[in-house]
Amino acid sequence: MKSDNSISGIQYMRAHGNSVGPTHRPLLTGLLSGVAAAPPAFAIRILSGALASEAVALGLDIWTVSLVDVIIFSLSGSIYALIFQRAANELCSGWLLGISYGFLLWVLGPVTLWNWVTGTPLAIGIAAMGLFASHLVYGLTLGVVYPIVNRFTQAKLKAQE
């Protein structure tokens, strides 16, 4: 017979931040975090001319490119949540995961995919540096904001129970 002093596996997991049970809503948390991390990245893109370079390269106006970027940032936040799952909830390591993820997005998006499809760079000069910096700042902000948004969504989830 089990004594009351023993710790079950579920209690042990919960004590170490790995709550088992209902969904943690990582997609919603990632989506909200991605939107929250977008403004600093946009500021860098605007100041460096990267947003204008994107608009010219895509043949669209700046507002349409901005809308597409917000959608991409939102989806990227959800993908971040799916990739890192509970590890993304840590504030201490979130900045490092985030900035690494921002670098990955830069490598996969404007550097690899865009060049592979079009054969031309998306931006050159200062605009290219701004595009790089905006991805790093987006990832850094995403990594810092995600645990905060996660606490908020978890509080809403617990209030619904």
C-alpha atoms as a PDB file:
ATOM      1  CA  MET A   1       0.000   0.000   0.000  1.00  0.00           C
ATOM      2  CA  LYS A   2       1.180   3.475  -0.826  1.00  0.00           C
ATOM      3  CA  SER A   3       2.024   5.861   1.957  1.00  0.00           C
ATOM      4  CA  ASP A   4       0.927   9.482   1.897  1.00  0.00           C
ATOM      5  CA  ASN A   5       4.557  10.613   1.902  1.00  0.00           C
ATOM      6  CA  SER A   6       5.380   9.161  -1.518  1.00  0.00           C
ATOM      7  CA  ILE A   7       5.342  11.375  -4.581  1.00  0.00           C
ATOM      8  CA  SER A   8       3.504  10.108  -7.588  1.00  0.00           C
ATOM      9  CA  GLY A   9       4.878  10.564 -11.077  1.00  0.00           C
ATOM     10  CA  ILE A  10       2.284  13.194 -11.890  1.00  0.00           C
ATOM     11  CA  GLN A  11       3.091  15.230  -8.783  1.00  0.00           C
ATOM     12  CA  TYR A  12       6.801  14.973  -9.585  1.00  0.00           C
ATOM     13  CA  MET A  13       6.236  16.194 -13.128  1.00  0.00           C
ATOM     14  CA  ARG A  14       4.119  19.119 -11.942  1.00  0.00           C
ATOM     15  CA  ALA A  15       6.717  20.080  -9.349  1.00  0.00           C
ATOM     16  CA  HIS A  16       9.295  20.414 -12.100  1.00  0.00           C
ATOM     17  CA  GLY A  17       7.193  22.550 -14.413  1.00  0.00           C
ATOM     18  CA  ASN A  18       6.013  19.717 -16.604  1.00  0.00           C
ATOM     19  CA  SER A  19       2.320  19.768 -15.846  1.00  0.00           C
ATOM     20  CA  VAL A  20       0.480  16.905 -17.406  1.00  0.00           C
ATOM     21  CA  GLY A  21      -3.169  17.289 -18.136  1.00  0.00           C
ATOM     22  CA  PRO A  22      -5.124  19.642 -20.392  1.00  0.00           C
ATOM     23  CA  THR A  23      -3.476  21.310 -23.328  1.00  0.00           C
ATOM     24  CA  HIS A  24      -1.160  24.208 -22.641  1.00  0.00           C
ATOM     25  CA  ARG A  25      -2.373  26.072 -25.711  1.00  0.00           C
ATOM     26  CA  PRO A  26       1.091  26.461 -27.222  1.00  0.00           C
ATOM     27  CA  LEU A  27      -0.256  27.575 -30.604  1.00  0.00           C
ATOM     28  CA  LEU A  28      -2.258  30.417 -29.078  1.00  0.00           C
ATOM     29  CA  THR A  29       0.648  31.404 -26.846  1.00  0.00           C
ATOM     30  CA  GLY A  30       3.026  31.325 -29.808  1.00  0.00           C
ATOM     31  CA  LEU A  31       0.636  33.300 -31.985  1.00  0.00           C
ATOM     32  CA  LEU A  32       0.184  36.027 -29.372  1.00  0.00           C
ATOM     33  CA  SER A  33       3.915  36.095 -28.626  1.00  0.00           C
ATOM     34  CA  GLY A  34       4.720  36.368 -32.323  1.00  0.00           C
ATOM     35  CA  VAL A  35       2.431  39.377 -32.689  1.00  0.00           C
ATOM     36  CA  ALA A  36       3.897  40.963 -29.542  1.00  0.00           C
ATOM     37  CA  ALA A  37       7.447  40.466 -30.842  1.00  0.00           C
ATOM     38  CA  ALA A  38       6.714  42.058 -34.226  1.00  0.00           C
ATOM     39  CA  PRO A  39       6.851  45.822 -33.371  1.00  0.00           C
ATOM     40  CA  PRO A  40      10.581  45.989 -32.500  1.00  0.00           C
ATOM     41  CA  ALA A  41      11.390  44.025 -35.656  1.00  0.00           C
ATOM     42  CA  PHE A  42       9.225  46.377 -37.718  1.00  0.00           C
ATOM     43  CA  ALA A  43      10.947  49.408 -36.228  1.00  0.00           C
ATOM     44  CA  ILE A  44      14.327  48.086 -37.358  1.00  0.00           C
ATOM     45  CA  ARG A  45      12.977  47.191 -40.800  1.00  0.00           C
ATOM     46  CA  ILE A  46      11.526  50.658 -41.276  1.00  0.00           C
ATOM     47  CA  LEU A  47      14.609  52.519 -40.016  1.00  0.00           C
ATOM     48  CA  SER A  48      17.033  50.446 -42.098  1.00  0.00           C
ATOM     49  CA  GLY A  49      14.974  50.480 -45.282  1.00  0.00           C
ATOM     50  CA  ALA A  50      14.516  46.712 -45.226  1.00  0.00           C
ATOM     51  CA  LEU A  51      10.727  46.999 -45.358  1.00  0.00           C
ATOM     52  CA  ALA A  52      10.959  49.176 -48.466  1.00  0.00           C
ATOM     53  CA  SER A  53      13.381  46.679 -50.033  1.00  0.00           C
ATOM     54  CA  GLU A  54      10.932  43.874 -49.316  1.00  0.00           C
ATOM     55  CA  ALA A  55       8.125  45.858 -50.906  1.00  0.00           C
ATOM     56  CA  VAL A  56      10.167  46.538 -54.039  1.00  0.00           C
ATOM     57  CA  ALA A  57      11.349  42.924 -54.296  1.00  0.00           C
ATOM     58  CA  LEU A  58       7.816  41.582 -53.896  1.00  0.00           C
ATOM     59  CA  GLY A  59       6.253  44.253 -56.103  1.00  0.00           C
ATOM     60  CA  LEU A  60       3.747  45.193 -53.387  1.00  0.00           C
ATOM     61  CA  ASP A  61       3.043  48.320 -51.361  1.00  0.00           C
ATOM     62  CA  ILE A  62       4.484  48.667 -47.858  1.00  0.00           C
ATOM     63  CA  TRP A  63       1.123  48.123 -46.117  1.00  0.00           C
ATOM     64  CA  THR A  64       0.551  44.805 -47.864  1.00  0.00           C
ATOM     65  CA  VAL A  65       4.096  43.685 -47.076  1.00  0.00           C
ATOM     66  CA  SER A  66       3.572  44.710 -43.445  1.00  0.00           C
ATOM     67  CA  LEU A  67       0.381  42.653 -43.249  1.00  0.00           C
ATOM     68  CA  VAL A  68       2.134  39.631 -44.771  1.00  0.00           C
ATOM     69  CA  ASP A  69       5.018  40.080 -42.323  1.00  0.00           C
ATOM     70  CA  VAL A  70       2.636  40.179 -39.343  1.00  0.00           C
ATOM     71  CA  ILE A  71       1.027  36.951 -40.552  1.00  0.00           C
ATOM     72  CA  ILE A  72       4.453  35.364 -40.977  1.00  0.00           C
ATOM     73  CA  PHE A  73       5.561  36.585 -37.531  1.00  0.00           C
ATOM     74  CA  SER A  74       2.386  35.146 -35.976  1.00  0.00           C
ATOM     75  CA  LEU A  75       2.809  31.774 -37.642  1.00  0.00           C
ATOM     76  CA  SER A  76       6.499  31.787 -36.743  1.00  0.00           C
ATOM     77  CA  GLY A  77       5.556  32.272 -33.093  1.00  0.00           C
ATOM     78  CA  SER A  78       3.280  29.234 -33.265  1.00  0.00           C
ATOM     79  CA  ILE A  79       6.023  27.174 -34.901  1.00  0.00           C
ATOM     80  CA  TYR A  80       8.403  28.335 -32.163  1.00  0.00           C
ATOM     81  CA  ALA A  81       5.940  27.014 -29.589  1.00  0.00           C
ATOM     82  CA  LEU A  82       5.664  23.671 -31.372  1.00  0.00           C
ATOM     83  CA  ILE A  83       9.413  23.256 -31.707  1.00  0.00           C
ATOM     84  CA  PHE A  84      10.505  24.226 -28.208  1.00  0.00           C
ATOM     85  CA  GLN A  85       7.315  23.269 -26.340  1.00  0.00           C
ATOM     86  CA  ARG A  86       7.838  23.477 -22.570  1.00  0.00           C
ATOM     87  CA  ALA A  87      11.463  24.557 -22.888  1.00  0.00           C
ATOM     88  CA  ALA A  88      10.185  27.875 -24.266  1.00  0.00           C
ATOM     89  CA  ASN A  89       8.432  28.548 -20.947  1.00  0.00           C
ATOM     90  CA  GLU A  90      11.725  29.239 -19.171  1.00  0.00           C
ATOM     91  CA  LEU A  91      12.530  32.930 -18.897  1.00  0.00           C
ATOM     92  CA  CYS A  92      16.206  32.213 -18.220  1.00  0.00           C
ATOM     93  CA  SER A  93      16.795  30.321 -21.461  1.00  0.00           C
ATOM     94  CA  GLY A  94      14.000  31.841 -23.541  1.00  0.00           C
ATOM     95  CA  TRP A  95      16.135  34.693 -24.840  1.00  0.00           C
ATOM     96  CA  LEU A  96      18.746  32.261 -26.158  1.00  0.00           C
ATOM     97  CA  LEU A  97      16.182  29.955 -27.759  1.00  0.00           C
ATOM     98  CA  GLY A  98      14.467  32.978 -29.249  1.00  0.00           C
ATOM     99  CA  ILE A  99      17.525  34.644 -30.738  1.00  0.00           C
ATOM    100  CA  SER A 100      18.635  31.290 -32.169  1.00  0.00           C
ATOM    101  CA  TYR A 101      15.182  30.844 -33.677  1.00  0.00           C
ATOM    102  CA  GLY A 102      15.340  34.360 -35.160  1.00  0.00           C
ATOM    103  CA  PHE A 103      18.668  33.485 -36.769  1.00  0.00           C
ATOM    104  CA  LEU A 104      17.168  30.273 -38.142  1.00  0.00           C
ATOM    105  CA  LEU A 105      14.250  32.220 -39.633  1.00  0.00           C
ATOM    106  CA  TRP A 106      16.673  34.633 -41.281  1.00  0.00           C
ATOM    107  CA  VAL A 107      18.757  31.792 -42.736  1.00  0.00           C
ATOM    108  CA  LEU A 108      15.731  29.867 -44.010  1.00  0.00           C
ATOM    109  CA  GLY A 109      13.669  32.835 -45.236  1.00  0.00           C
ATOM    110  CA  PRO A 110      15.468  35.761 -46.866  1.00  0.00           C
ATOM    111  CA  VAL A 111      18.808  34.045 -47.302  1.00  0.00           C
ATOM    112  CA  THR A 112      17.956  30.557 -48.525  1.00  0.00           C
ATOM    113  CA  LEU A 113      14.369  30.392 -49.724  1.00  0.00           C
ATOM    114  CA  TRP A 114      14.194  33.844 -51.329  1.00  0.00           C
ATOM    115  CA  ASN A 115      17.519  33.419 -53.142  1.00  0.00           C
ATOM    116  CA  TRP A 116      16.593  29.913 -54.249  1.00  0.00           C
ATOM    117  CA  VAL A 117      13.238  31.019 -55.691  1.00  0.00           C
ATOM    118  CA  THR A 118      14.249  34.353 -57.258  1.00  0.00           C
ATOM    119  CA  GLY A 119      18.006  34.134 -57.668  1.00  0.00           C
ATOM    120  CA  THR A 120      18.368  37.689 -56.326  1.00  0.00           C
ATOM    121  CA  PRO A 121      18.940  39.006 -52.805  1.00  0.00           C
ATOM    122  CA  LEU A 122      15.920  40.338 -50.941  1.00  0.00           C
ATOM    123  CA  ALA A 123      17.896  43.324 -49.667  1.00  0.00           C
ATOM    124  CA  ILE A 124      21.417  44.665 -50.031  1.00  0.00           C
ATOM    125  CA  GLY A 125      23.610  46.976 -47.971  1.00  0.00           C
ATOM    126  CA  ILE A 126      22.136  48.576 -44.870  1.00  0.00           C
ATOM    127  CA  ALA A 127      18.694  47.160 -45.678  1.00  0.00           C
ATOM    128  CA  ALA A 128      20.159  43.640 -45.597  1.00  0.00           C
ATOM    129  CA  MET A 129      21.798  44.330 -42.237  1.00  0.00           C
ATOM    130  CA  GLY A 130      18.480  45.697 -40.977  1.00  0.00           C
ATOM    131  CA  LEU A 131      16.694  42.579 -42.182  1.00  0.00           C
ATOM    132  CA  PHE A 132      19.210  40.428 -40.308  1.00  0.00           C
ATOM    133  CA  ALA A 133      18.956  42.547 -37.158  1.00  0.00           C
ATOM    134  CA  SER A 134      15.156  42.535 -37.317  1.00  0.00           C
ATOM    135  CA  HIS A 135      15.105  38.741 -37.351  1.00  0.00           C
ATOM    136  CA  LEU A 136      17.452  38.562 -34.358  1.00  0.00           C
ATOM    137  CA  VAL A 137      15.442  41.162 -32.432  1.00  0.00           C
ATOM    138  CA  TYR A 138      12.204  39.385 -33.327  1.00  0.00           C
ATOM    139  CA  GLY A 139      13.585  36.096 -32.009  1.00  0.00           C
ATOM    140  CA  LEU A 140      15.000  37.711 -28.877  1.00  0.00           C
ATOM    141  CA  THR A 141      11.717  39.465 -28.134  1.00  0.00           C
ATOM    142  CA  LEU A 142       9.769  36.284 -28.878  1.00  0.00           C
ATOM    143  CA  GLY A 143      11.910  34.303 -26.451  1.00  0.00           C
ATOM    144  CA  VAL A 144      11.476  36.883 -23.692  1.00  0.00           C
ATOM    145  CA  VAL A 145       7.758  37.496 -24.257  1.00  0.00           C
ATOM    146  CA  TYR A 146       6.707  33.855 -24.688  1.00  0.00           C
ATOM    147  CA  PRO A 147       7.015  32.816 -21.003  1.00  0.00           C
ATOM    148  CA  ILE A 148       5.065  35.910 -19.947  1.00  0.00           C
ATOM    149  CA  VAL A 149       2.275  35.251 -22.445  1.00  0.00           C
ATOM    150  CA  ASN A 150       2.306  31.586 -21.426  1.00  0.00           C
ATOM    151  CA  ARG A 151       1.692  32.515 -17.793  1.00  0.00           C
ATOM    152  CA  PHE A 152      -1.245  34.658 -18.914  1.00  0.00           C
ATOM    153  CA  THR A 153      -2.785  31.904 -21.063  1.00  0.00           C
ATOM    154  CA  GLN A 154      -2.241  29.332 -18.307  1.00  0.00           C
ATOM    155  CA  ALA A 155      -3.991  31.598 -15.808  1.00  0.00           C
ATOM    156  CA  LYS A 156      -6.948  31.866 -18.212  1.00  0.00           C
ATOM    157  CA  LEU A 157      -6.946  28.077 -18.650  1.00  0.00           C
ATOM    158  CA  LYS A 158      -6.926  27.471 -14.888  1.00  0.00           C
ATOM    159  CA  ALA A 159      -9.735  30.003 -14.428  1.00  0.00           C
ATOM    160  CA  GLN A 160     -11.872  28.016 -16.909  1.00  0.00           C
ATOM    161  CA  GLU A 161     -11.404  24.741 -15.003  1.00  0.00           C
END
